[in-house]
């Protein structure tokens, strides 16, 4: 839940404090995991477009984990869970922006106008990186906290459960300054690994932020509601935001706030709130502010609930009957979701039977494909076939792909299958196979356009594995296999005659499937 302009305002108006972690007495560093991933790709100048440079990402992440532990802290990684339905409008808008970026990059590549600076500014998550990320954190015995929805509330809950033991949260989300249980925030750009092996951090304290705003802590949710956040992104919410600006401008004797930048707007809104400082009751406070601005009180109540009510306190709401699924953008030349349609429908049958599903493939259309999930003969047959398979799911996923791709009228070349195998076997092999050793210059990567097809195959593999986990009702052993890298228990070397992948290549798994695993609709 980003608060518009707050990070910039804090950087301009508040003084940060500098510290060396070796001098601190606390025990834990909370890390916004997704934000930290983007931070590492940016600061380490890693390629995200042509594969992801997983081994270099891993080296950078392990270096930070090691440095944090060296100065006496334990890193705790907080990962987001599923999408919050209350923020669907925001999620959909961001998905549309990612799709637009994806299509623009594809056009630039085709026209030969793609520049490295544009790629750096418009990063999208590499296919499969999040699973690999979890694998690295788990392999280094770090604590992982998985939230039901967004992790912000869980971070605040962790601070509340460990008073005095948590130094700060590493993040780029300024809204974490608005949680009453989080005393300090360190933005990623303010973290420095020193040559002496220490970690230098510039941090902002919530008490200092409140002093500069000149409002008490329980006024923060009201300020956020006035400024807007990810919960307030519907057309009606935007109309209310305009109404708030007009009311505040009138109260402050200003003609308009439409031309104000976010830093100035925050200052003006905080001054507006100061006239309510005598009122300490939160409910009556929200009611008075909403009434004075002429907007519904629900805007303020929902924001206060989000920032001041921690996970586990509020009962779960009734599960929504309709399901909305937004596909991630892909740069490849293969129609991933057409290829996966029959297998995907089988997974839907087990999860959403009787419910309506809206599929958003924003690369192709802004309108969703809406349909109701009904049990079908071909799905029943497919589920039975797959459940009878005894192969480990990682290998079964490749076997299924060997049928799905040609059945959709497409062909995968041996070079591409072997690139996928290298990707599965060892990450170093990926760097050698895809990146050509040490030469990872932007110009070299652009010249290897076949990497886009390999990237598509990798995403196909990940989707297949996800669906098989659901259909076969058994795990893919994520403790030793993260969806990308096989662990030592599987194979270290693609040339090892005893490895599962090598034996599968030599036998039926990597030939045309002798048994039809996926029953298509036409078969029924």
Protein backbone atom coordinates (compact mmCIF):
# COMPACT_ATOMS: atom_id res chain seq x y z
CA UNK A 1 0.00 0.00 0.00
CA UNK A 2 2.05 2.89 -1.23
CA UNK A 3 1.26 6.33 0.20
CA UNK A 4 1.51 8.89 -2.58
CA UNK A 5 4.53 11.15 -2.13
CA UNK A 6 5.35 10.12 1.44
CA UNK A 7 8.80 8.70 0.71
CA UNK A 8 9.81 11.87 -1.11
CA UNK A 9 8.35 14.04 1.67
CA UNK A 10 10.27 12.11 4.34
CA UNK A 11 13.52 12.42 2.37
CA UNK A 12 13.04 16.20 1.99
CA UNK A 13 11.52 17.16 5.35
CA UNK A 14 12.96 14.69 7.87
CA UNK A 15 16.49 14.07 9.03
CA UNK A 16 17.69 10.50 8.78
CA UNK A 17 20.07 9.01 11.33
CA UNK A 18 23.14 7.03 10.38
CA UNK A 19 24.30 3.91 12.18
CA UNK A 20 26.59 0.92 11.81
CA UNK A 21 24.73 -2.30 12.49
CA UNK A 22 27.71 -3.62 14.47
CA UNK A 23 26.99 -0.88 17.03
CA UNK A 24 23.33 -1.83 17.49
CA UNK A 25 22.00 -4.13 20.21
CA UNK A 26 18.89 -5.46 18.48
CA UNK A 27 18.61 -8.96 16.98
CA UNK A 28 16.50 -8.81 13.83
CA UNK A 29 16.32 -7.01 10.48
CA UNK A 30 12.93 -7.31 8.76
CA UNK A 31 13.28 -7.37 4.96
CA UNK A 32 10.58 -6.58 2.42
CA UNK A 33 11.52 -9.56 0.23
CA UNK A 34 10.03 -8.49 -3.11
CA UNK A 35 11.40 -4.97 -2.83
CA UNK A 36 14.82 -6.33 -1.93
CA UNK A 37 14.82 -8.48 -5.07
CA UNK A 38 14.30 -5.40 -7.27
CA UNK A 39 16.95 -3.53 -5.26
CA UNK A 40 19.55 -6.24 -5.92
CA UNK A 41 18.79 -6.39 -9.65
CA UNK A 42 19.21 -2.61 -9.85
CA UNK A 43 22.32 -2.17 -7.68
CA UNK A 44 24.10 -5.23 -9.09
CA UNK A 45 23.18 -4.24 -12.69
CA UNK A 46 21.76 -7.70 -13.34
CA UNK A 47 19.97 -8.60 -16.55
CA UNK A 48 16.28 -9.33 -16.00
CA UNK A 49 15.11 -9.38 -19.60
CA UNK A 50 17.09 -12.24 -21.13
CA UNK A 51 16.74 -14.89 -18.44
CA UNK A 52 17.54 -13.26 -15.12
CA UNK A 53 21.18 -14.16 -14.27
CA UNK A 54 20.04 -16.30 -11.36
CA UNK A 55 23.48 -17.32 -10.12
CA UNK A 56 24.65 -13.70 -9.89
CA UNK A 57 21.45 -12.76 -8.09
CA UNK A 58 22.09 -15.63 -5.68
CA UNK A 59 25.68 -14.49 -5.06
CA UNK A 60 24.51 -10.95 -4.28
CA UNK A 61 21.73 -12.13 -1.95
CA UNK A 62 24.03 -14.51 -0.08
CA UNK A 63 26.59 -11.71 0.30
CA UNK A 64 24.00 -9.53 2.06
CA UNK A 65 22.77 -12.41 4.24
CA UNK A 66 26.35 -13.16 5.27
CA UNK A 67 27.07 -9.48 6.01
CA UNK A 68 23.95 -9.11 8.17
CA UNK A 69 24.90 -12.15 10.23
CA UNK A 70 28.51 -11.04 10.53
CA UNK A 71 27.41 -7.91 12.44
CA UNK A 72 25.22 -9.92 14.81
CA UNK A 73 21.77 -9.64 13.21
CA UNK A 74 19.42 -12.26 11.81
CA UNK A 75 17.56 -11.35 8.58
CA UNK A 76 13.84 -12.16 8.45
CA UNK A 77 12.34 -12.20 4.94
CA UNK A 78 8.67 -11.26 4.50
CA UNK A 79 6.99 -12.47 1.30
CA UNK A 80 3.58 -11.32 0.08
CA UNK A 81 0.78 -13.84 -0.28
CA UNK A 82 -2.15 -13.81 -2.68
CA UNK A 83 -3.69 -10.67 -4.10
CA UNK A 84 -6.00 -8.73 -1.79
CA UNK A 85 -9.41 -8.54 -3.50
CA UNK A 86 -9.94 -5.12 -1.89
CA UNK A 87 -7.08 -3.87 -4.06
CA UNK A 88 -8.16 -5.45 -7.32
CA UNK A 89 -8.37 -2.13 -9.19
CA UNK A 90 -4.79 -1.29 -8.22
CA UNK A 91 -3.55 -4.79 -9.06
CA UNK A 92 -5.25 -4.71 -12.46
CA UNK A 93 -3.86 -1.27 -13.25
CA UNK A 94 -0.32 -2.38 -12.44
CA UNK A 95 -0.79 -5.53 -14.51
CA UNK A 96 -1.87 -3.39 -17.47
CA UNK A 97 1.23 -1.23 -17.04
CA UNK A 98 3.46 -4.32 -17.04
CA UNK A 99 1.75 -5.61 -20.18
CA UNK A 100 2.24 -2.25 -21.90
CA UNK A 101 5.93 -2.29 -20.96
CA UNK A 102 6.26 -5.85 -22.25
CA UNK A 103 4.65 -5.02 -25.61
CA UNK A 104 6.73 -1.86 -25.95
CA UNK A 105 9.99 -3.74 -25.35
CA UNK A 106 8.99 -6.40 -27.88
CA UNK A 107 8.31 -3.65 -30.45
CA UNK A 108 11.64 -1.96 -29.70
CA UNK A 109 13.50 -5.23 -30.14
CA UNK A 110 11.77 -5.83 -33.47
CA UNK A 111 12.64 -2.31 -34.65
CA UNK A 112 16.16 -2.39 -33.22
CA UNK A 113 15.56 0.66 -31.01
CA UNK A 114 15.79 -0.93 -27.55
CA UNK A 115 18.23 0.92 -25.25
CA UNK A 116 19.81 -0.37 -22.07
CA UNK A 117 18.66 2.69 -20.08
CA UNK A 118 15.01 1.90 -20.91
CA UNK A 119 15.45 -1.72 -19.78
CA UNK A 120 17.02 -0.57 -16.49
CA UNK A 121 14.17 1.84 -15.76
CA UNK A 122 11.37 -0.61 -16.54
CA UNK A 123 12.25 -3.84 -14.78
CA UNK A 124 9.77 -6.71 -14.73
CA UNK A 125 10.26 -9.77 -12.57
CA UNK A 126 12.21 -12.53 -14.42
CA UNK A 127 10.30 -15.76 -14.94
CA UNK A 128 10.81 -18.08 -11.98
CA UNK A 129 12.96 -15.73 -9.90
CA UNK A 130 10.61 -15.65 -6.93
CA UNK A 131 10.81 -19.41 -6.43
CA UNK A 132 14.54 -19.33 -6.81
CA UNK A 133 14.62 -16.47 -4.28
CA UNK A 134 12.73 -18.54 -1.69
CA UNK A 135 15.06 -21.46 -2.38
CA UNK A 136 18.15 -19.32 -1.67
CA UNK A 137 16.71 -17.89 1.55
CA UNK A 138 15.67 -21.34 2.74
CA UNK A 139 19.01 -22.91 1.78
CA UNK A 140 20.76 -20.28 3.92
CA UNK A 141 18.57 -21.15 6.92
CA UNK A 142 16.95 -17.71 7.04
CA UNK A 143 13.59 -17.16 8.62
CA UNK A 144 10.76 -16.82 6.06
CA UNK A 145 7.43 -15.20 6.88
CA UNK A 146 4.70 -15.76 4.26
CA UNK A 147 1.73 -13.40 4.55
CA UNK A 148 -1.82 -14.30 3.62
CA UNK A 149 -2.01 -11.14 1.51
CA UNK A 150 0.39 -8.19 1.59
CA UNK A 151 3.19 -8.58 4.12
CA UNK A 152 3.07 -5.04 5.57
CA UNK A 153 0.73 -5.95 8.42
CA UNK A 154 2.73 -9.09 9.18
CA UNK A 155 5.90 -7.01 9.45
CA UNK A 156 4.17 -4.73 11.96
CA UNK A 157 2.92 -7.78 13.87
CA UNK A 158 6.47 -9.17 14.01
CA UNK A 159 7.75 -5.89 15.49
CA UNK A 160 4.96 -5.93 18.07
CA UNK A 161 5.76 -9.54 19.02
CA UNK A 162 9.47 -8.77 19.40
CA UNK A 163 9.58 -5.40 21.16
CA UNK A 164 13.09 -4.02 21.39
CA UNK A 165 14.59 -6.85 19.31
CA UNK A 166 13.87 -5.46 15.82
CA UNK A 167 16.08 -2.64 14.56
CA UNK A 168 14.20 -1.65 11.40
CA UNK A 169 12.55 -2.85 8.21
CA UNK A 170 14.44 -2.65 4.91
CA UNK A 171 11.97 -1.54 2.26
CA UNK A 172 11.07 1.03 -0.36
CA UNK A 173 7.45 1.29 0.83
CA UNK A 174 7.00 4.49 2.80
CA UNK A 175 3.64 3.28 4.11
CA UNK A 176 5.51 1.12 6.63
CA UNK A 177 6.24 4.39 8.44
CA UNK A 178 2.50 4.59 9.13
CA UNK A 179 2.23 1.41 11.20
CA UNK A 180 2.27 2.26 14.89
CA UNK A 181 4.40 -0.77 15.82
CA UNK A 182 7.27 -0.10 13.36
CA UNK A 183 9.64 2.46 14.91
CA UNK A 184 12.25 2.69 12.14
CA UNK A 185 12.43 2.30 8.35
CA UNK A 186 15.55 1.97 6.17
CA UNK A 187 15.03 2.58 2.46
CA UNK A 188 17.08 0.27 0.25
CA UNK A 189 19.17 3.04 -1.29
CA UNK A 190 20.34 3.96 2.23
CA UNK A 191 22.05 0.59 2.81
CA UNK A 192 25.81 0.35 2.26
CA UNK A 193 28.14 -2.61 2.70
CA UNK A 194 31.39 -1.11 4.02
CA UNK A 195 34.89 -2.22 3.08
CA UNK A 196 35.42 -3.23 6.72
CA UNK A 197 32.59 -5.77 6.49
CA UNK A 198 30.04 -3.69 8.39
CA UNK A 199 26.65 -2.41 7.18
CA UNK A 200 25.92 1.31 7.28
CA UNK A 201 22.23 2.33 7.32
CA UNK A 202 20.50 5.68 7.22
CA UNK A 203 17.14 5.24 8.93
CA UNK A 204 14.02 7.31 9.52
CA UNK A 205 12.20 7.15 12.84
CA UNK A 206 8.43 7.37 13.01
CA UNK A 207 8.69 9.75 16.00
CA UNK A 208 10.72 12.16 13.87
CA UNK A 209 8.24 11.91 10.99
CA UNK A 210 5.33 12.64 13.35
CA UNK A 211 7.20 15.60 14.85
CA UNK A 212 7.69 17.11 11.39
CA UNK A 213 4.06 16.48 10.46
CA UNK A 214 3.02 17.87 13.87
CA UNK A 215 0.32 15.25 14.33
CA UNK A 216 -0.03 12.29 16.75
CA UNK A 217 0.41 8.70 15.59
CA UNK A 218 -3.31 7.91 15.47
CA UNK A 219 -3.73 10.67 12.85
CA UNK A 220 -1.53 8.84 10.32
CA UNK A 221 -4.34 6.65 8.88
CA UNK A 222 -6.45 9.78 8.36
CA UNK A 223 -3.57 11.47 6.54
CA UNK A 224 -3.10 8.39 4.36
CA UNK A 225 -6.83 8.33 3.56
CA UNK A 226 -6.65 11.97 2.46
CA UNK A 227 -3.57 11.42 0.27
CA UNK A 228 -4.71 8.12 -1.24
CA UNK A 229 -3.24 4.61 -1.27
CA UNK A 230 -3.65 1.28 -3.04
CA UNK A 231 -6.97 0.60 -1.29
CA UNK A 232 -8.43 3.78 -2.77
CA UNK A 233 -8.10 3.37 -6.52
CA UNK A 234 -11.63 3.01 -7.85
CA UNK A 235 -13.27 5.71 -9.97
CA UNK A 236 -15.38 6.71 -6.99
CA UNK A 237 -12.31 6.93 -4.76
CA UNK A 238 -10.59 9.20 -7.27
CA UNK A 239 -13.62 11.49 -7.32
CA UNK A 240 -13.47 11.63 -3.53
CA UNK A 241 -9.73 12.45 -3.71
CA UNK A 242 -10.51 15.45 -5.92
CA UNK A 243 -13.24 16.51 -3.49
CA UNK A 244 -10.78 16.28 -0.56
CA UNK A 245 -8.27 18.50 -2.36
CA UNK A 246 -10.96 21.09 -3.07
CA UNK A 247 -12.16 21.10 0.54
CA UNK A 248 -8.63 21.35 1.97
CA UNK A 249 -7.74 24.16 -0.45
CA UNK A 250 -10.85 26.10 0.54
CA UNK A 251 -10.16 25.60 4.26
CA UNK A 252 -6.54 26.72 3.87
CA UNK A 253 -7.45 29.76 1.78
CA UNK A 254 -5.89 28.40 -1.42
CA UNK A 255 -7.36 28.60 -4.90
CA UNK A 256 -6.54 24.98 -5.84
CA UNK A 257 -4.28 22.07 -4.97
CA UNK A 258 -4.31 20.55 -8.46
CA UNK A 259 -0.88 21.97 -9.29
CA UNK A 260 0.71 21.01 -5.94
CA UNK A 261 3.39 18.35 -5.94
CA UNK A 262 3.00 15.52 -3.44
CA UNK A 263 5.51 16.96 -0.97
CA UNK A 264 3.59 20.23 -0.69
CA UNK A 265 0.25 18.40 -0.61
CA UNK A 266 1.35 16.31 2.40
CA UNK A 267 2.44 19.43 4.26
CA UNK A 268 -0.89 21.16 3.59
CA UNK A 269 -2.96 18.10 4.57
CA UNK A 270 -1.03 17.63 7.82
CA UNK A 271 -1.70 21.29 8.70
CA UNK A 272 -5.37 20.74 7.97
CA UNK A 273 -5.47 17.79 10.40
CA UNK A 274 -3.91 19.78 13.21
CA UNK A 275 -7.22 21.50 13.98
CA UNK A 276 -8.60 18.09 15.06
CA UNK A 277 -5.76 17.36 17.52
CA UNK A 278 -7.99 17.77 20.58
CA UNK A 279 -10.02 14.76 19.50
CA UNK A 280 -8.33 11.51 20.57
CA UNK A 281 -11.16 9.02 19.92
CA UNK A 282 -10.36 7.39 16.60
CA UNK A 283 -13.92 6.71 15.46
CA UNK A 284 -15.17 10.22 16.18
CA UNK A 285 -11.95 11.61 14.68
CA UNK A 286 -12.57 9.81 11.38
CA UNK A 287 -16.22 10.89 11.41
CA UNK A 288 -15.36 14.56 12.00
CA UNK A 289 -12.69 14.64 9.28
CA UNK A 290 -14.93 12.86 6.76
CA UNK A 291 -17.80 15.23 7.51
CA UNK A 292 -15.61 18.33 7.18
CA UNK A 293 -14.32 17.12 3.80
CA UNK A 294 -17.70 15.92 2.53
CA UNK A 295 -16.62 12.33 1.78
CA UNK A 296 -17.80 8.96 3.14
CA UNK A 297 -16.39 7.88 6.51
CA UNK A 298 -15.73 4.43 5.04
CA UNK A 299 -12.66 5.81 3.25
CA UNK A 300 -11.10 6.62 6.62
CA UNK A 301 -12.31 3.52 8.43
CA UNK A 302 -10.96 1.09 5.82
CA UNK A 303 -7.57 2.82 5.86
CA UNK A 304 -7.39 2.76 9.66
CA UNK A 305 -8.33 -0.91 9.63
CA UNK A 306 -5.53 -1.65 7.16
CA UNK A 307 -2.81 0.22 9.06
CA UNK A 308 -3.81 -0.19 12.69
CA UNK A 309 -5.39 -3.67 12.77
CA UNK A 310 -2.81 -6.43 12.55
CA UNK A 311 -3.33 -9.80 10.78
CA UNK A 312 -5.21 -12.42 12.76
CA UNK A 313 -7.43 -9.95 14.63
CA UNK A 314 -10.11 -9.48 12.00
CA UNK A 315 -12.19 -12.48 10.98
CA UNK A 316 -11.96 -13.67 7.37
CA UNK A 317 -14.69 -12.35 5.10
CA UNK A 318 -16.89 -14.63 3.02
CA UNK A 319 -14.99 -16.14 0.09
CA UNK A 320 -15.89 -14.47 -3.17
CA UNK A 321 -17.70 -16.75 -5.61
CA UNK A 322 -16.08 -15.32 -8.74
CA UNK A 323 -12.35 -15.76 -9.33
CA UNK A 324 -10.16 -13.28 -11.21
CA UNK A 325 -6.83 -14.45 -12.58
CA UNK A 326 -4.31 -12.11 -14.16
CA UNK A 327 -1.58 -13.79 -16.23
CA UNK A 328 1.97 -12.45 -15.99
CA UNK A 329 3.36 -10.81 -19.16
CA UNK A 330 5.68 -12.85 -21.36
CA UNK A 331 8.21 -11.75 -23.97
CA UNK A 332 8.34 -15.00 -25.88
CA UNK A 333 7.05 -15.97 -29.28
CA UNK A 334 4.88 -18.85 -28.11
CA UNK A 335 1.23 -18.59 -26.97
CA UNK A 336 1.79 -19.86 -23.43
CA UNK A 337 -1.80 -19.75 -22.29
CA UNK A 338 -3.16 -21.41 -25.42
CA UNK A 339 -0.67 -24.26 -24.98
CA UNK A 340 -1.61 -24.64 -21.30
CA UNK A 341 -5.38 -24.33 -21.73
CA UNK A 342 -6.42 -27.97 -21.20
CA UNK A 343 -4.08 -28.56 -18.25
CA UNK A 344 -5.06 -25.23 -16.72
CA UNK A 345 -8.76 -26.07 -16.96
CA UNK A 346 -8.11 -29.33 -15.07
CA UNK A 347 -6.50 -27.37 -12.24
CA UNK A 348 -9.42 -24.94 -12.28
CA UNK A 349 -11.85 -27.86 -12.01
CA UNK A 350 -10.26 -28.94 -8.74
CA UNK A 351 -10.11 -25.40 -7.32
CA UNK A 352 -13.09 -23.47 -8.72
CA UNK A 353 -15.76 -26.03 -9.68
CA UNK A 354 -19.11 -24.27 -10.07
CA UNK A 355 -17.56 -20.81 -9.93
CA UNK A 356 -17.02 -18.19 -12.61
CA UNK A 357 -13.45 -17.44 -13.66
CA UNK A 358 -12.31 -14.27 -15.38
CA UNK A 359 -8.92 -14.68 -17.09
CA UNK A 360 -6.98 -11.51 -17.89
CA UNK A 361 -4.35 -11.97 -20.60
CA UNK A 362 -3.44 -8.30 -20.89
CA UNK A 363 -0.74 -8.86 -23.51
CA UNK A 364 -3.49 -9.74 -25.97
CA UNK A 365 -6.60 -7.92 -24.72
CA UNK A 366 -7.77 -5.55 -22.00
CA UNK A 367 -10.99 -7.54 -21.65
CA UNK A 368 -11.12 -10.76 -19.62
CA UNK A 369 -12.24 -14.15 -20.87
CA UNK A 370 -15.12 -15.12 -18.56
CA UNK A 371 -16.47 -18.66 -18.19
CA UNK A 372 -17.98 -21.01 -15.62
CA UNK A 373 -16.07 -24.06 -14.42
CA UNK A 374 -18.01 -27.27 -15.01
CA UNK A 375 -16.82 -30.84 -14.67
CA UNK A 376 -15.97 -32.43 -18.03
CA UNK A 377 -15.02 -35.88 -19.26
CA UNK A 378 -11.64 -34.82 -20.64
CA UNK A 379 -10.69 -33.21 -17.32
CA UNK A 380 -11.66 -36.32 -15.34
CA UNK A 381 -9.58 -38.51 -17.68
CA UNK A 382 -6.58 -36.19 -17.52
CA UNK A 383 -6.63 -36.01 -13.73
CA UNK A 384 -6.82 -39.81 -13.51
CA UNK A 385 -3.93 -40.22 -15.99
CA UNK A 386 -1.69 -37.77 -14.16
CA UNK A 387 -2.40 -39.16 -10.70
CA UNK A 388 -1.31 -42.61 -11.89
CA UNK A 389 2.13 -41.32 -12.92
CA UNK A 390 4.95 -42.30 -10.54
CA UNK A 391 7.61 -39.91 -11.87
CA UNK A 392 8.71 -37.04 -9.64
CA UNK A 393 6.69 -33.94 -10.49
CA UNK A 394 9.70 -32.03 -11.87
CA UNK A 395 10.24 -34.76 -14.46
CA UNK A 396 6.53 -35.30 -15.08
CA UNK A 397 6.22 -31.60 -15.87
CA UNK A 398 8.69 -31.95 -18.73
CA UNK A 399 6.98 -35.10 -19.96
CA UNK A 400 3.64 -33.27 -20.07
CA UNK A 401 5.21 -30.34 -21.91
CA UNK A 402 6.55 -32.69 -24.58
CA UNK A 403 2.93 -33.47 -25.41
CA UNK A 404 1.33 -30.07 -24.92
CA UNK A 405 3.63 -28.03 -27.16
CA UNK A 406 3.23 -30.06 -30.38
CA UNK A 407 -0.48 -30.66 -29.71
CA UNK A 408 -0.94 -26.87 -29.89
CA UNK A 409 0.80 -26.78 -33.27
CA UNK A 410 4.21 -25.58 -32.06
CA UNK A 411 7.68 -27.04 -32.07
CA UNK A 412 10.53 -26.82 -29.58
CA UNK A 413 14.00 -27.41 -30.98
CA UNK A 414 16.55 -29.69 -29.37
CA UNK A 415 18.76 -26.69 -28.55
CA UNK A 416 15.89 -25.15 -26.61
CA UNK A 417 15.05 -28.34 -24.72
CA UNK A 418 18.72 -28.70 -23.81
CA UNK A 419 18.79 -25.07 -22.68
CA UNK A 420 15.85 -25.85 -20.42
CA UNK A 421 17.68 -28.91 -19.12
CA UNK A 422 20.72 -26.78 -18.37
CA UNK A 423 18.44 -24.36 -16.58
CA UNK A 424 17.07 -27.20 -14.48
CA UNK A 425 20.40 -28.82 -13.73
CA UNK A 426 22.70 -26.07 -12.49
CA UNK A 427 22.43 -22.33 -12.63
CA UNK A 428 26.05 -22.02 -13.72
CA UNK A 429 25.09 -24.02 -16.79
CA UNK A 430 22.46 -21.38 -17.56
CA UNK A 431 25.07 -18.65 -17.55
CA UNK A 432 27.26 -20.70 -19.89
CA UNK A 433 24.43 -21.86 -22.14
CA UNK A 434 22.41 -18.65 -22.37
CA UNK A 435 24.82 -15.88 -21.54
CA UNK A 436 27.90 -17.20 -23.31
CA UNK A 437 30.19 -17.25 -20.29
CA UNK A 438 31.42 -13.95 -18.95
CA UNK A 439 30.21 -11.80 -21.85
CA UNK A 440 26.91 -10.46 -20.53
CA UNK A 441 27.04 -7.05 -22.17
CA UNK A 442 23.74 -5.57 -23.26
CA UNK A 443 24.74 -5.73 -26.93
CA UNK A 444 25.61 -9.43 -26.67
CA UNK A 445 22.31 -10.26 -24.99
CA UNK A 446 20.28 -8.35 -27.58
CA UNK A 447 21.95 -10.35 -30.33
CA UNK A 448 20.75 -13.64 -28.75
CA UNK A 449 17.07 -13.32 -29.55
CA UNK A 450 16.55 -17.08 -29.19
CA UNK A 451 16.75 -16.50 -25.43
CA UNK A 452 13.21 -15.14 -25.56
CA UNK A 453 11.94 -18.52 -26.72
CA UNK A 454 13.91 -20.29 -24.00
CA UNK A 455 12.40 -17.88 -21.51
CA UNK A 456 8.92 -18.88 -22.74
CA UNK A 457 9.75 -22.55 -22.33
CA UNK A 458 10.92 -21.88 -18.78
CA UNK A 459 7.63 -20.15 -17.98
CA UNK A 460 5.72 -23.03 -19.57
CA UNK A 461 7.62 -25.40 -17.32
CA UNK A 462 6.83 -23.40 -14.18
CA UNK A 463 3.14 -23.18 -15.06
CA UNK A 464 3.02 -26.90 -15.77
CA UNK A 465 4.64 -27.70 -12.44
CA UNK A 466 2.18 -25.43 -10.61
CA UNK A 467 -0.81 -27.14 -12.18
CA UNK A 468 0.59 -30.62 -11.54
CA UNK A 469 1.07 -29.86 -7.84
CA UNK A 470 -2.66 -29.10 -7.67
CA UNK A 471 -3.86 -31.91 -9.95
CA UNK A 472 -1.71 -34.69 -8.48
CA UNK A 473 -2.30 -33.43 -4.94
CA UNK A 474 1.30 -33.90 -3.89
CA UNK A 475 4.19 -31.49 -3.36
CA UNK A 476 7.07 -30.98 -5.74
CA UNK A 477 9.46 -31.29 -2.77
CA UNK A 478 10.16 -27.59 -2.59
CA UNK A 479 12.62 -28.12 0.27
CA UNK A 480 15.03 -29.73 -2.17
CA UNK A 481 13.57 -28.47 -5.45
CA UNK A 482 12.46 -24.90 -5.98
CA UNK A 483 10.93 -25.18 -9.44
CA UNK A 484 14.16 -24.04 -11.10
CA UNK A 485 17.16 -25.78 -9.57
CA UNK A 486 17.28 -29.45 -8.74
CA UNK A 487 18.95 -30.12 -5.42
CA UNK A 488 21.88 -32.44 -4.89
CA UNK A 489 19.34 -35.19 -4.28
CA UNK A 490 18.38 -35.02 -7.96
CA UNK A 491 21.46 -34.19 -9.98
CA UNK A 492 24.46 -31.94 -10.06
CA UNK A 493 25.53 -32.48 -13.61
CA UNK A 494 23.56 -32.82 -16.82
CA UNK A 495 26.13 -35.36 -18.00
CA UNK A 496 25.85 -37.56 -14.92
CA UNK A 497 24.54 -40.92 -16.22
CA UNK A 498 22.82 -41.53 -12.89
CA UNK A 499 20.86 -38.26 -12.89
CA UNK A 500 17.11 -38.25 -13.35
CA UNK A 501 17.26 -35.68 -16.13
CA UNK A 502 19.94 -37.50 -18.10
CA UNK A 503 18.14 -40.85 -17.89
CA UNK A 504 14.88 -39.16 -18.81
CA UNK A 505 16.52 -37.59 -21.86
CA UNK A 506 17.72 -40.98 -23.04
CA UNK A 507 14.37 -42.67 -22.46
CA UNK A 508 10.72 -41.96 -23.14
CA UNK A 509 10.26 -38.73 -21.20
CA UNK A 510 12.00 -36.67 -23.87
CA UNK A 511 10.59 -38.53 -26.82
CA UNK A 512 7.01 -38.31 -28.01
CA UNK A 513 4.89 -39.59 -25.13
CA UNK A 514 3.79 -43.19 -25.75
CA UNK A 515 0.79 -42.59 -23.50
CA UNK A 516 -1.52 -39.62 -23.90
CA UNK A 517 -1.50 -37.86 -20.55
CA UNK A 518 -3.60 -34.82 -21.42
CA UNK A 519 -7.06 -35.54 -22.73
CA UNK A 520 -8.19 -32.67 -24.97
CA UNK A 521 -11.73 -31.39 -25.37
CA UNK A 522 -11.93 -32.90 -28.84
CA UNK A 523 -11.25 -36.35 -27.37
CA UNK A 524 -14.32 -36.04 -25.23
